Protein backbone atom coordinates (compact mmCIF):
# COMPACT_ATOMS: atom_id res chain seq x y z
CA MET A 1 -11.02 17.46 0.80
CA THR A 2 -12.32 15.14 3.30
CA ASP A 3 -10.78 12.32 5.47
CA ASP A 4 -12.76 9.78 3.50
CA ILE A 5 -10.48 10.41 0.47
CA ILE A 6 -6.81 9.44 0.29
CA GLY A 7 -4.43 12.30 0.08
CA MET A 8 -0.72 12.68 -1.15
CA LYS A 9 0.34 11.96 2.52
CA ASP A 10 -1.43 8.54 2.39
CA MET A 11 0.08 7.63 -1.01
CA GLY A 12 3.53 8.56 0.07
CA ALA A 13 3.15 6.18 3.10
CA ILE A 14 1.83 3.39 0.95
CA PHE A 15 4.59 3.75 -1.69
CA GLU A 16 7.20 3.84 1.10
CA VAL A 17 6.03 0.36 1.93
CA THR A 18 5.63 -0.99 -1.64
CA ASP A 19 9.13 0.53 -2.63
CA ARG A 20 10.76 -1.43 0.00
CA PHE A 21 9.30 -4.60 -1.51
CA GLY A 22 10.56 -3.49 -5.04
CA ILE A 23 6.97 -3.40 -6.36
CA ASP A 24 6.46 -1.27 -9.40
CA ARG A 25 4.12 1.72 -8.55
CA GLU A 26 2.52 1.13 -11.91
CA SER A 27 1.20 -2.29 -10.48
CA VAL A 28 -0.19 -0.81 -7.43
CA SER A 29 -3.89 0.24 -7.42
CA VAL A 30 -5.33 2.40 -4.61
CA PRO A 31 -8.96 3.42 -4.69
CA LEU A 32 -9.50 7.07 -3.62
CA GLU A 33 -12.00 6.48 -1.02
CA LYS A 34 -11.07 5.14 2.35
CA GLU A 35 -13.17 2.13 3.39
CA GLY A 36 -13.85 -0.02 6.55
CA ASP A 37 -10.62 -1.60 8.13
CA GLY A 38 -8.59 -1.44 4.87
CA HIS A 39 -7.75 -4.27 2.59
CA VAL A 40 -4.86 -5.57 0.47
CA GLU A 41 -5.40 -7.96 -2.31
CA ARG A 42 -3.14 -9.46 -4.94
CA LEU A 43 -5.06 -9.57 -8.24
CA SER A 44 -4.82 -12.34 -10.89
CA ASP A 45 -2.43 -10.11 -13.02
CA GLY A 46 -0.10 -9.89 -10.12
CA SER A 47 -0.84 -6.39 -9.33
CA LEU A 48 -1.94 -5.06 -5.89
CA GLU A 49 -5.09 -3.33 -4.83
CA ILE A 50 -4.72 -1.54 -1.64
CA THR A 51 -7.72 -0.02 0.06
CA VAL A 52 -6.87 2.55 2.77
CA PRO A 53 -8.88 2.21 5.99
CA ALA A 54 -11.44 4.71 7.12
CA SER A 55 -11.59 3.28 10.71
CA ILE A 56 -8.05 4.23 11.66
CA PRO A 57 -5.45 6.85 10.46
CA THR A 58 -3.14 5.62 7.51
CA GLN A 59 -0.09 6.03 9.44
CA GLU A 60 -1.33 3.64 12.16
CA TRP A 61 -2.24 1.04 9.51
CA ILE A 62 1.12 1.08 7.71
CA ASP A 63 2.53 -1.83 9.72
CA THR A 64 -0.59 -3.79 8.88
CA LEU A 65 -0.09 -3.08 5.12
CA GLU A 66 3.47 -4.35 5.38
CA ALA A 67 2.45 -7.51 6.98
CA GLU A 68 -0.31 -7.97 4.47
CA VAL A 69 2.12 -7.35 1.62
CA LYS A 70 4.49 -10.03 3.12
CA ARG A 71 1.44 -12.43 3.53
CA LEU A 72 0.75 -12.24 -0.13
CA GLY A 73 4.29 -13.46 -0.89
CA PHE A 74 6.37 -10.48 -1.45
CA GLU A 75 9.73 -10.03 0.10
CA ILE A 76 11.67 -7.02 1.20
CA SER A 77 13.89 -5.96 -1.84
CA SER A 78 17.64 -6.18 -1.15
CA ARG A 79 18.29 -3.67 -4.05
CA PRO A 80 19.42 -0.17 -2.84
CA GLU A 81 16.74 2.40 -3.36
CA ASP A 82 18.68 4.41 -5.94
CA GLU A 83 18.64 1.25 -8.32
CA MET A 84 14.74 1.11 -8.17
């Protein structure tokens, strides 16, 4: 496995963010290859496409991911995690 491909640790970090927003994991698409500075896009069907950056470690990018999800109109869920 190379650093150009996302791993389970990367997906775990991404899901920690999307779960806080109450976003269904089935509506999150993450290409396997890391690319550039990363990218977050809300698709026409309401799902999210998250491209993990190749330029910086995923853990350093997580705050940017959260800011981008907020920018796209999502709000932190007030539901307790065990109800998700």
